[in-house]
Full PDB file with SEQRES, HELIX, SHEET, SSBOND, CRYST1, ORIGX, SCALE, CONECT and MASTER records, all heavy atoms in Angstrom:
SEQRES   1 A   38  GLN SER LEU ALA GLY PRO ARG ALA ARG LEU LEU GLU LEU          
SEQRES   2 A   38  SER GLN GLU LYS GLY VAL SER LEU ALA ALA LEU SER GLU          
SEQRES   3 A   38  LEU LEU GLY ARG ASN PRO THR TYR LEU GLN GLN PHE              
HELIX    1 AA1 GLY A    5  LYS A   17  1                                  13    
HELIX    2 AA2 LEU A   21  LEU A   27  1                                   7    
HELIX    3 AA3 TYR A   34  GLN A   37  1                                   4    
CRYST1    1.000    1.000    1.000  90.00  90.00  90.00 P 1           1          
ORIGX1      1.000000  0.000000  0.000000        0.00000                         
ORIGX2      0.000000  1.000000  0.000000        0.00000                         
ORIGX3      0.000000  0.000000  1.000000        0.00000                         
SCALE1      1.000000  0.000000  0.000000        0.00000                         
SCALE2      0.000000  1.000000  0.000000        0.00000                         
SCALE3      0.000000  0.000000  1.000000        0.00000                         
ATOM      1  N   GLN A   1      42.120 -36.565 -35.709  1.00  0.00           N  
ATOM      2  CA  GLN A   1      41.318 -35.449 -36.235  1.00  0.00           C  
ATOM      3  C   GLN A   1      41.434 -35.441 -37.765  1.00  0.00           C  
ATOM      4  O   GLN A   1      42.530 -35.428 -38.269  1.00  0.00           O  
ATOM      5  CB  GLN A   1      41.724 -34.034 -35.731  1.00  0.00           C  
ATOM      6  CG  GLN A   1      40.920 -32.911 -36.333  1.00  0.00           C  
ATOM      7  CD  GLN A   1      41.388 -31.533 -35.745  1.00  0.00           C  
ATOM      8  OE1 GLN A   1      42.337 -31.478 -35.052  1.00  0.00           O  
ATOM      9  NE2 GLN A   1      40.636 -30.516 -36.075  1.00  0.00           N  
ATOM     10  N   SER A   2      40.414 -35.456 -38.532  1.00  0.00           N  
ATOM     11  CA  SER A   2      40.341 -35.377 -39.908  1.00  0.00           C  
ATOM     12  C   SER A   2      39.945 -33.931 -40.375  1.00  0.00           C  
ATOM     13  O   SER A   2      38.973 -33.384 -39.795  1.00  0.00           O  
ATOM     14  CB  SER A   2      39.345 -36.418 -40.571  1.00  0.00           C  
ATOM     15  OG  SER A   2      39.778 -37.751 -40.333  1.00  0.00           O  
ATOM     16  N   LEU A   3      40.655 -33.426 -41.278  1.00  0.00           N  
ATOM     17  CA  LEU A   3      40.366 -32.054 -41.842  1.00  0.00           C  
ATOM     18  C   LEU A   3      39.846 -32.145 -43.171  1.00  0.00           C  
ATOM     19  O   LEU A   3      40.048 -33.136 -43.867  1.00  0.00           O  
ATOM     20  CB  LEU A   3      41.737 -31.249 -41.833  1.00  0.00           C  
ATOM     21  CG  LEU A   3      42.387 -31.096 -40.532  1.00  0.00           C  
ATOM     22  CD1 LEU A   3      43.871 -30.428 -40.687  1.00  0.00           C  
ATOM     23  CD2 LEU A   3      41.522 -30.340 -39.443  1.00  0.00           C  
ATOM     24  N   ALA A   4      38.981 -31.183 -43.488  1.00  0.00           N  
ATOM     25  CA  ALA A   4      38.407 -31.062 -44.866  1.00  0.00           C  
ATOM     26  C   ALA A   4      38.301 -29.688 -45.356  1.00  0.00           C  
ATOM     27  O   ALA A   4      38.479 -28.802 -44.534  1.00  0.00           O  
ATOM     28  CB  ALA A   4      37.035 -31.802 -44.822  1.00  0.00           C  
ATOM     29  N   GLY A   5      37.924 -29.652 -46.573  1.00  0.00           N  
ATOM     30  CA  GLY A   5      37.737 -28.287 -47.204  1.00  0.00           C  
ATOM     31  C   GLY A   5      39.032 -27.523 -47.187  1.00  0.00           C  
ATOM     32  O   GLY A   5      40.113 -28.014 -47.359  1.00  0.00           O  
ATOM     33  N   PRO A   6      38.823 -26.149 -47.077  1.00  0.00           N  
ATOM     34  CA  PRO A   6      40.072 -25.243 -47.228  1.00  0.00           C  
ATOM     35  C   PRO A   6      41.060 -25.603 -46.104  1.00  0.00           C  
ATOM     36  O   PRO A   6      42.284 -25.286 -46.298  1.00  0.00           O  
ATOM     37  CB  PRO A   6      39.500 -23.911 -47.052  1.00  0.00           C  
ATOM     38  CG  PRO A   6      38.149 -24.044 -46.434  1.00  0.00           C  
ATOM     39  CD  PRO A   6      37.702 -25.408 -46.932  1.00  0.00           C  
ATOM     40  N   ARG A   7      40.682 -25.981 -44.957  1.00  0.00           N  
ATOM     41  CA  ARG A   7      41.629 -26.283 -43.876  1.00  0.00           C  
ATOM     42  C   ARG A   7      42.529 -27.459 -44.306  1.00  0.00           C  
ATOM     43  O   ARG A   7      43.829 -27.327 -44.091  1.00  0.00           O  
ATOM     44  CB  ARG A   7      40.929 -26.567 -42.600  1.00  0.00           C  
ATOM     45  CG  ARG A   7      40.274 -25.359 -41.892  1.00  0.00           C  
ATOM     46  CD  ARG A   7      39.378 -25.691 -40.786  1.00  0.00           C  
ATOM     47  NE  ARG A   7      38.865 -24.546 -40.041  1.00  0.00           N  
ATOM     48  CZ  ARG A   7      37.950 -23.815 -40.485  1.00  0.00           C  
ATOM     49  NH1 ARG A   7      37.290 -24.104 -41.585  1.00  0.00           N  
ATOM     50  NH2 ARG A   7      37.565 -22.626 -39.827  1.00  0.00           N  
ATOM     51  N   ALA A   8      41.988 -28.484 -44.769  1.00  0.00           N  
ATOM     52  CA  ALA A   8      42.745 -29.640 -45.237  1.00  0.00           C  
ATOM     53  C   ALA A   8      43.648 -29.194 -46.366  1.00  0.00           C  
ATOM     54  O   ALA A   8      44.901 -29.523 -46.485  1.00  0.00           O  
ATOM     55  CB  ALA A   8      41.866 -30.713 -45.754  1.00  0.00           C  
ATOM     56  N   ARG A   9      43.104 -28.428 -47.428  1.00  0.00           N  
ATOM     57  CA  ARG A   9      43.932 -28.036 -48.529  1.00  0.00           C  
ATOM     58  C   ARG A   9      45.079 -27.133 -48.165  1.00  0.00           C  
ATOM     59  O   ARG A   9      46.296 -27.325 -48.662  1.00  0.00           O  
ATOM     60  CB  ARG A   9      42.965 -27.337 -49.480  1.00  0.00           C  
ATOM     61  CG  ARG A   9      43.640 -26.907 -50.760  1.00  0.00           C  
ATOM     62  CD  ARG A   9      44.136 -28.162 -51.616  1.00  0.00           C  
ATOM     63  NE  ARG A   9      44.683 -27.863 -52.934  1.00  0.00           N  
ATOM     64  CZ  ARG A   9      45.742 -28.323 -53.309  1.00  0.00           C  
ATOM     65  NH1 ARG A   9      46.342 -29.348 -52.708  1.00  0.00           N  
ATOM     66  NH2 ARG A   9      46.222 -28.044 -54.503  1.00  0.00           N  
ATOM     67  N   LEU A  10      44.891 -26.132 -47.178  1.00  0.00           N  
ATOM     68  CA  LEU A  10      45.922 -25.267 -46.875  1.00  0.00           C  
ATOM     69  C   LEU A  10      47.092 -26.060 -46.136  1.00  0.00           C  
ATOM     70  O   LEU A  10      48.318 -25.880 -46.307  1.00  0.00           O  
ATOM     71  CB  LEU A  10      45.375 -24.160 -45.896  1.00  0.00           C  
ATOM     72  CG  LEU A  10      46.349 -23.148 -45.450  1.00  0.00           C  
ATOM     73  CD1 LEU A  10      46.982 -22.452 -46.566  1.00  0.00           C  
ATOM     74  CD2 LEU A  10      45.617 -22.067 -44.533  1.00  0.00           C  
ATOM     75  N   LEU A  11      46.596 -27.067 -45.186  1.00  0.00           N  
ATOM     76  CA  LEU A  11      47.651 -27.821 -44.526  1.00  0.00           C  
ATOM     77  C   LEU A  11      48.508 -28.680 -45.497  1.00  0.00           C  
ATOM     78  O   LEU A  11      49.612 -28.773 -45.481  1.00  0.00           O  
ATOM     79  CB  LEU A  11      46.959 -28.723 -43.470  1.00  0.00           C  
ATOM     80  CG  LEU A  11      47.943 -29.591 -42.666  1.00  0.00           C  
ATOM     81  CD1 LEU A  11      48.896 -28.828 -41.848  1.00  0.00           C  
ATOM     82  CD2 LEU A  11      47.089 -30.484 -41.699  1.00  0.00           C  
ATOM     83  N   GLU A  12      47.723 -29.204 -46.547  1.00  0.00           N  
ATOM     84  CA  GLU A  12      48.320 -30.086 -47.520  1.00  0.00           C  
ATOM     85  C   GLU A  12      49.382 -29.275 -48.329  1.00  0.00           C  
ATOM     86  O   GLU A  12      50.554 -29.698 -48.535  1.00  0.00           O  
ATOM     87  CB  GLU A  12      47.345 -30.657 -48.351  1.00  0.00           C  
ATOM     88  CG  GLU A  12      47.821 -31.624 -49.473  1.00  0.00           C  
ATOM     89  CD  GLU A  12      46.640 -32.185 -50.363  1.00  0.00           C  
ATOM     90  OE1 GLU A  12      45.759 -31.343 -50.699  1.00  0.00           O  
ATOM     91  OE2 GLU A  12      46.704 -33.345 -50.685  1.00  0.00           O  
ATOM     92  N   LEU A  13      48.947 -28.083 -48.729  1.00  0.00           N  
ATOM     93  CA  LEU A  13      49.905 -27.201 -49.572  1.00  0.00           C  
ATOM     94  C   LEU A  13      51.118 -26.751 -48.700  1.00  0.00           C  
ATOM     95  O   LEU A  13      52.180 -26.666 -49.280  1.00  0.00           O  
ATOM     96  CB  LEU A  13      49.073 -26.025 -50.003  1.00  0.00           C  
ATOM     97  CG  LEU A  13      48.167 -26.303 -51.148  1.00  0.00           C  
ATOM     98  CD1 LEU A  13      47.124 -25.070 -51.355  1.00  0.00           C  
ATOM     99  CD2 LEU A  13      48.865 -26.533 -52.550  1.00  0.00           C  
ATOM    100  N   SER A  14      50.887 -26.455 -47.509  1.00  0.00           N  
ATOM    101  CA  SER A  14      51.987 -25.986 -46.672  1.00  0.00           C  
ATOM    102  C   SER A  14      53.085 -27.059 -46.493  1.00  0.00           C  
ATOM    103  O   SER A  14      54.274 -26.868 -46.487  1.00  0.00           O  
ATOM    104  CB  SER A  14      51.492 -25.443 -45.299  1.00  0.00           C  
ATOM    105  OG  SER A  14      51.134 -26.610 -44.464  1.00  0.00           O  
ATOM    106  N   GLN A  15      52.593 -28.268 -46.367  1.00  0.00           N  
ATOM    107  CA  GLN A  15      53.472 -29.435 -46.285  1.00  0.00           C  
ATOM    108  C   GLN A  15      54.177 -29.650 -47.535  1.00  0.00           C  
ATOM    109  O   GLN A  15      55.417 -29.999 -47.682  1.00  0.00           O  
ATOM    110  CB  GLN A  15      52.679 -30.694 -45.831  1.00  0.00           C  
ATOM    111  CG  GLN A  15      52.219 -30.538 -44.412  1.00  0.00           C  
ATOM    112  CD  GLN A  15      51.229 -31.660 -44.050  1.00  0.00           C  
ATOM    113  OE1 GLN A  15      50.671 -32.439 -44.956  1.00  0.00           O  
ATOM    114  NE2 GLN A  15      50.839 -31.804 -42.793  1.00  0.00           N  
ATOM    115  N   GLU A  16      53.446 -29.586 -48.707  1.00  0.00           N  
ATOM    116  CA  GLU A  16      54.050 -29.847 -50.083  1.00  0.00           C  
ATOM    117  C   GLU A  16      55.036 -28.827 -50.309  1.00  0.00           C  
ATOM    118  O   GLU A  16      56.103 -29.097 -50.927  1.00  0.00           O  
ATOM    119  CB  GLU A  16      52.907 -29.704 -51.140  1.00  0.00           C  
ATOM    120  CG  GLU A  16      51.975 -31.022 -51.168  1.00  0.00           C  
ATOM    121  CD  GLU A  16      50.908 -30.760 -52.179  1.00  0.00           C  
ATOM    122  OE1 GLU A  16      50.950 -29.775 -52.904  1.00  0.00           O  
ATOM    123  OE2 GLU A  16      50.095 -31.713 -52.360  1.00  0.00           O  
ATOM    124  N   LYS A  17      54.867 -27.547 -50.003  1.00  0.00           N  
ATOM    125  CA  LYS A  17      55.741 -26.422 -50.307  1.00  0.00           C  
ATOM    126  C   LYS A  17      56.868 -26.353 -49.269  1.00  0.00           C  
ATOM    127  O   LYS A  17      57.804 -25.556 -49.431  1.00  0.00           O  
ATOM    128  CB  LYS A  17      54.924 -25.110 -50.369  1.00  0.00           C  
ATOM    129  CG  LYS A  17      53.821 -24.981 -51.370  1.00  0.00           C  
ATOM    130  CD  LYS A  17      54.420 -24.973 -52.761  1.00  0.00           C  
ATOM    131  CE  LYS A  17      53.200 -24.788 -53.725  1.00  0.00           C  
ATOM    132  NZ  LYS A  17      53.648 -24.703 -55.162  1.00  0.00           N  
ATOM    133  N   GLY A  18      56.725 -27.098 -48.126  1.00  0.00           N  
ATOM    134  CA  GLY A  18      57.671 -26.969 -47.098  1.00  0.00           C  
ATOM    135  C   GLY A  18      57.727 -25.575 -46.407  1.00  0.00           C  
ATOM    136  O   GLY A  18      58.788 -25.089 -45.979  1.00  0.00           O  
ATOM    137  N   VAL A  19      56.570 -25.015 -46.258  1.00  0.00           N  
ATOM    138  CA  VAL A  19      56.386 -23.669 -45.676  1.00  0.00           C  
ATOM    139  C   VAL A  19      55.594 -23.847 -44.444  1.00  0.00           C  
ATOM    140  O   VAL A  19      54.443 -24.424 -44.521  1.00  0.00           O  
ATOM    141  CB  VAL A  19      55.709 -22.660 -46.615  1.00  0.00           C  
ATOM    142  CG1 VAL A  19      55.668 -21.330 -45.997  1.00  0.00           C  
ATOM    143  CG2 VAL A  19      56.398 -22.438 -47.923  1.00  0.00           C  
ATOM    144  N   SER A  20      56.013 -23.391 -43.323  1.00  0.00           N  
ATOM    145  CA  SER A  20      55.266 -23.559 -42.102  1.00  0.00           C  
ATOM    146  C   SER A  20      53.967 -22.669 -42.012  1.00  0.00           C  
ATOM    147  O   SER A  20      54.037 -21.675 -42.717  1.00  0.00           O  
ATOM    148  CB  SER A  20      56.168 -23.190 -40.885  1.00  0.00           C  
ATOM    149  OG  SER A  20      56.384 -21.822 -40.824  1.00  0.00           O  
ATOM    150  N   LEU A  21      53.141 -23.143 -41.202  1.00  0.00           N  
ATOM    151  CA  LEU A  21      51.815 -22.303 -41.018  1.00  0.00           C  
ATOM    152  C   LEU A  21      52.247 -20.975 -40.423  1.00  0.00           C  
ATOM    153  O   LEU A  21      51.515 -19.876 -40.684  1.00  0.00           O  
ATOM    154  CB  LEU A  21      50.878 -23.053 -40.181  1.00  0.00           C  
ATOM    155  CG  LEU A  21      50.261 -24.340 -40.860  1.00  0.00           C  
ATOM    156  CD1 LEU A  21      49.290 -25.036 -39.822  1.00  0.00           C  
ATOM    157  CD2 LEU A  21      49.553 -23.983 -42.058  1.00  0.00           C  
ATOM    158  N   ALA A  22      53.230 -20.930 -39.484  1.00  0.00           N  
ATOM    159  CA  ALA A  22      53.597 -19.628 -38.856  1.00  0.00           C  
ATOM    160  C   ALA A  22      54.154 -18.766 -39.973  1.00  0.00           C  
ATOM    161  O   ALA A  22      53.854 -17.499 -39.864  1.00  0.00           O  
ATOM    162  CB  ALA A  22      54.669 -19.977 -37.878  1.00  0.00           C  
ATOM    163  N   ALA A  23      54.965 -19.137 -40.913  1.00  0.00           N  
ATOM    164  CA  ALA A  23      55.512 -18.361 -41.955  1.00  0.00           C  
ATOM    165  C   ALA A  23      54.392 -17.829 -42.853  1.00  0.00           C  
ATOM    166  O   ALA A  23      54.432 -16.648 -43.268  1.00  0.00           O  
ATOM    167  CB  ALA A  23      56.570 -19.134 -42.795  1.00  0.00           C  
ATOM    168  N   LEU A  24      53.343 -18.699 -43.190  1.00  0.00           N  
ATOM    169  CA  LEU A  24      52.258 -18.173 -43.975  1.00  0.00           C  
ATOM    170  C   LEU A  24      51.483 -17.223 -43.106  1.00  0.00           C  
ATOM    171  O   LEU A  24      50.926 -16.230 -43.811  1.00  0.00           O  
ATOM    172  CB  LEU A  24      51.394 -19.443 -44.395  1.00  0.00           C  
ATOM    173  CG  LEU A  24      52.047 -20.430 -45.409  1.00  0.00           C  
ATOM    174  CD1 LEU A  24      51.126 -21.649 -45.622  1.00  0.00           C  
ATOM    175  CD2 LEU A  24      52.355 -19.785 -46.721  1.00  0.00           C  
ATOM    176  N   SER A  25      51.351 -17.353 -41.910  1.00  0.00           N  
ATOM    177  CA  SER A  25      50.610 -16.414 -41.092  1.00  0.00           C  
ATOM    178  C   SER A  25      51.316 -15.057 -41.133  1.00  0.00           C  
ATOM    179  O   SER A  25      50.667 -13.955 -41.294  1.00  0.00           O  
ATOM    180  CB  SER A  25      50.495 -16.837 -39.603  1.00  0.00           C  
ATOM    181  OG  SER A  25      49.746 -18.100 -39.545  1.00  0.00           O  
ATOM    182  N   GLU A  26      52.628 -15.087 -41.024  1.00  0.00           N  
ATOM    183  CA  GLU A  26      53.423 -13.795 -41.116  1.00  0.00           C  
ATOM    184  C   GLU A  26      53.274 -13.172 -42.415  1.00  0.00           C  
ATOM    185  O   GLU A  26      53.404 -11.968 -42.546  1.00  0.00           O  
ATOM    186  CB  GLU A  26      54.852 -14.092 -40.726  1.00  0.00           C  
ATOM    187  CG  GLU A  26      55.029 -14.455 -39.185  1.00  0.00           C  
ATOM    188  CD  GLU A  26      56.328 -14.954 -38.837  1.00  0.00           C  
ATOM    189  OE1 GLU A  26      57.299 -15.042 -39.776  1.00  0.00           O  
ATOM    190  OE2 GLU A  26      56.656 -15.235 -37.594  1.00  0.00           O  
ATOM    191  N   LEU A  27      53.227 -14.002 -43.574  1.00  0.00           N  
ATOM    192  CA  LEU A  27      53.054 -13.477 -44.870  1.00  0.00           C  
ATOM    193  C   LEU A  27      51.758 -12.724 -44.934  1.00  0.00           C  
ATOM    194  O   LEU A  27      51.730 -11.604 -45.675  1.00  0.00           O  
ATOM    195  CB  LEU A  27      52.995 -14.608 -45.866  1.00  0.00           C  
ATOM    196  CG  LEU A  27      52.606 -14.294 -47.256  1.00  0.00           C  
ATOM    197  CD1 LEU A  27      53.687 -13.546 -47.921  1.00  0.00           C  
ATOM    198  CD2 LEU A  27      52.259 -15.528 -48.017  1.00  0.00           C  
ATOM    199  N   LEU A  28      50.784 -13.036 -44.182  1.00  0.00           N  
ATOM    200  CA  LEU A  28      49.462 -12.242 -44.177  1.00  0.00           C  
ATOM    201  C   LEU A  28      49.466 -11.097 -43.088  1.00  0.00           C  
ATOM    202  O   LEU A  28      48.580 -10.420 -43.085  1.00  0.00           O  
ATOM    203  CB  LEU A  28      48.360 -13.169 -43.640  1.00  0.00           C  
ATOM    204  CG  LEU A  28      48.129 -14.483 -44.534  1.00  0.00           C  
ATOM    205  CD1 LEU A  28      47.049 -15.301 -43.876  1.00  0.00           C  
ATOM    206  CD2 LEU A  28      47.805 -14.076 -45.959  1.00  0.00           C  
ATOM    207  N   GLY A  29      50.725 -10.879 -42.485  1.00  0.00           N  
ATOM    208  CA  GLY A  29      50.642  -9.793 -41.385  1.00  0.00           C  
ATOM    209  C   GLY A  29      50.027 -10.240 -40.206  1.00  0.00           C  
ATOM    210  O   GLY A  29      49.599  -9.300 -39.406  1.00  0.00           O  
ATOM    211  N   ARG A  30      49.787 -11.492 -39.941  1.00  0.00           N  
ATOM    212  CA  ARG A  30      49.073 -11.875 -38.760  1.00  0.00           C  
ATOM    213  C   ARG A  30      50.122 -12.447 -37.701  1.00  0.00           C  
ATOM    214  O   ARG A  30      51.260 -12.677 -38.020  1.00  0.00           O  
ATOM    215  CB  ARG A  30      48.128 -13.010 -39.184  1.00  0.00           C  
ATOM    216  CG  ARG A  30      47.073 -12.651 -40.324  1.00  0.00           C  
ATOM    217  CD  ARG A  30      45.959 -11.892 -39.808  1.00  0.00           C  
ATOM    218  NE  ARG A  30      44.937 -11.744 -40.793  1.00  0.00           N  
ATOM    219  CZ  ARG A  30      43.641 -11.278 -40.501  1.00  0.00           C  
ATOM    220  NH1 ARG A  30      43.437 -10.853 -39.242  1.00  0.00           N  
ATOM    221  NH2 ARG A  30      42.796 -11.079 -41.471  1.00  0.00           N  
ATOM    222  N   ASN A  31      49.624 -12.713 -36.512  1.00  0.00           N  
ATOM    223  CA  ASN A  31      50.446 -13.442 -35.597  1.00  0.00           C  
ATOM    224  C   ASN A  31      50.807 -14.801 -36.000  1.00  0.00           C  
ATOM    225  O   ASN A  31      50.002 -15.445 -36.746  1.00  0.00           O  
ATOM    226  CB  ASN A  31      49.813 -13.413 -34.195  1.00  0.00           C  
ATOM    227  CG  ASN A  31      48.628 -14.340 -34.036  1.00  0.00           C  
ATOM    228  OD1 ASN A  31      48.744 -15.496 -34.072  1.00  0.00           O  
ATOM    229  ND2 ASN A  31      47.373 -13.730 -33.885  1.00  0.00           N  
ATOM    230  N   PRO A  32      51.963 -15.469 -35.548  1.00  0.00           N  
ATOM    231  CA  PRO A  32      52.373 -16.724 -36.026  1.00  0.00           C  
ATOM    232  C   PRO A  32      51.373 -17.919 -35.906  1.00  0.00           C  
ATOM    233  O   PRO A  32      51.491 -18.902 -36.575  1.00  0.00           O  
ATOM    234  CB  PRO A  32      53.662 -17.018 -35.288  1.00  0.00           C  
ATOM    235  CG  PRO A  32      54.054 -15.529 -34.949  1.00  0.00           C  
ATOM    236  CD  PRO A  32      52.892 -14.823 -34.620  1.00  0.00           C  
ATOM    237  N   THR A  33      50.475 -17.767 -34.899  1.00  0.00           N  
ATOM    238  CA  THR A  33      49.539 -18.848 -34.707  1.00  0.00           C  
ATOM    239  C   THR A  33      48.178 -18.788 -35.364  1.00  0.00           C  
ATOM    240  O   THR A  33      47.335 -19.737 -35.283  1.00  0.00           O  
ATOM    241  CB  THR A  33      49.259 -18.929 -33.109  1.00  0.00           C  
ATOM    242  OG1 THR A  33      48.538 -17.839 -32.739  1.00  0.00           O  
ATOM    243  CG2 THR A  33      50.565 -19.210 -32.310  1.00  0.00           C  
ATOM    244  N   TYR A  34      48.030 -17.779 -36.130  1.00  0.00           N  
ATOM    245  CA  TYR A  34      46.784 -17.390 -36.896  1.00  0.00           C  
ATOM    246  C   TYR A  34      46.263 -18.627 -37.704  1.00  0.00           C  
ATOM    247  O   TYR A  34      45.107 -19.096 -37.465  1.00  0.00           O  
ATOM    248  CB  TYR A  34      46.934 -16.298 -37.769  1.00  0.00           C  
ATOM    249  CG  TYR A  34      45.746 -15.793 -38.527  1.00  0.00           C  
ATOM    250  CD1 TYR A  34      44.545 -15.297 -37.882  1.00  0.00           C  
ATOM    251  CD2 TYR A  34      45.612 -16.066 -39.926  1.00  0.00           C  
ATOM    252  CE1 TYR A  34      43.494 -14.959 -38.604  1.00  0.00           C  
ATOM    253  CE2 TYR A  34      44.461 -15.654 -40.584  1.00  0.00           C  
ATOM    254  CZ  TYR A  34      43.369 -15.157 -39.943  1.00  0.00           C  
ATOM    255  OH  TYR A  34      42.280 -14.851 -40.635  1.00  0.00           O  
ATOM    256  N   LEU A  35      47.099 -19.142 -38.692  1.00  0.00           N  
ATOM    257  CA  LEU A  35      46.611 -20.196 -39.558  1.00  0.00           C  
ATOM    258  C   LEU A  35      46.501 -21.537 -38.745  1.00  0.00           C  
ATOM    259  O   LEU A  35      45.715 -22.393 -39.031  1.00  0.00           O  
ATOM    260  CB  LEU A  35      47.537 -20.284 -40.698  1.00  0.00           C  
ATOM    261  CG  LEU A  35      47.389 -19.169 -41.708  1.00  0.00           C  
ATOM    262  CD1 LEU A  35      48.321 -19.323 -42.961  1.00  0.00           C  
ATOM    263  CD2 LEU A  35      45.929 -19.032 -42.218  1.00  0.00           C  
ATOM    264  N   GLN A  36      47.361 -21.696 -37.789  1.00  0.00           N  
ATOM    265  CA  GLN A  36      47.228 -23.043 -36.896  1.00  0.00           C  
ATOM    266  C   GLN A  36      45.904 -22.989 -36.213  1.00  0.00           C  
ATOM    267  O   GLN A  36      45.135 -24.032 -36.200  1.00  0.00           O  
ATOM    268  CB  GLN A  36      48.326 -23.029 -35.826  1.00  0.00           C  
ATOM    269  CG  GLN A  36      49.770 -23.364 -36.402  1.00  0.00           C  
ATOM    270  CD  GLN A  36      50.700 -23.707 -35.345  1.00  0.00           C  
ATOM    271  OE1 GLN A  36      50.363 -24.215 -34.328  1.00  0.00           O  
ATOM    272  NE2 GLN A  36      51.900 -23.334 -35.569  1.00  0.00           N  
ATOM    273  N   GLN A  37      45.379 -21.854 -35.767  1.00  0.00           N  
ATOM    274  CA  GLN A  37      44.155 -21.796 -35.069  1.00  0.00           C  
ATOM    275  C   GLN A  37      43.022 -21.876 -36.105  1.00  0.00           C  
ATOM    276  O   GLN A  37      42.022 -22.594 -35.746  1.00  0.00           O  
ATOM    277  CB  GLN A  37      43.989 -20.444 -34.362  1.00  0.00           C  
ATOM    278  CG  GLN A  37      44.945 -20.267 -33.147  1.00  0.00           C  
ATOM    279  CD  GLN A  37      44.925 -18.965 -32.513  1.00  0.00           C  
ATOM    280  OE1 GLN A  37      44.297 -18.028 -33.093  1.00  0.00           O  
ATOM    281  NE2 GLN A  37      45.333 -18.827 -31.299  1.00  0.00           N  
ATOM    282  N   PHE A  38      43.176 -21.412 -37.276  1.00  0.00           N  
ATOM    283  CA  PHE A  38      42.206 -21.505 -38.283  1.00  0.00           C  
ATOM    284  C   PHE A  38      42.064 -22.998 -38.612  1.00  0.00           C  
ATOM    285  O   PHE A  38      40.959 -23.513 -38.784  1.00  0.00           O  
ATOM    286  CB  PHE A  38      42.652 -20.709 -39.568  1.00  0.00           C  
ATOM    287  CG  PHE A  38      41.857 -21.073 -40.799  1.00  0.00           C  
ATOM    288  CD1 PHE A  38      40.516 -20.775 -40.829  1.00  0.00           C  
ATOM    289  CD2 PHE A  38      42.397 -21.698 -41.914  1.00  0.00           C  
ATOM    290  CE1 PHE A  38      39.792 -21.026 -42.028  1.00  0.00           C  
ATOM    291  CE2 PHE A  38      41.806 -22.045 -43.027  1.00  0.00           C  
ATOM    292  CZ  PHE A  38      40.402 -21.652 -43.143  1.00  0.00           C  
TER     293      PHE A  38                                                      
MASTER        0    0    0    3    0    0    0    6  292    1    0    3          
END                                                                             
């Protein structure tokens, strides 16, 4: 699967910063799978 646009950018940034998508989801006050589903 190839990702593009904001989805690709968000995944790239989370990897660069060493921050999991679950942690970023919790930062938003969302459930831990929110950004993974996005």
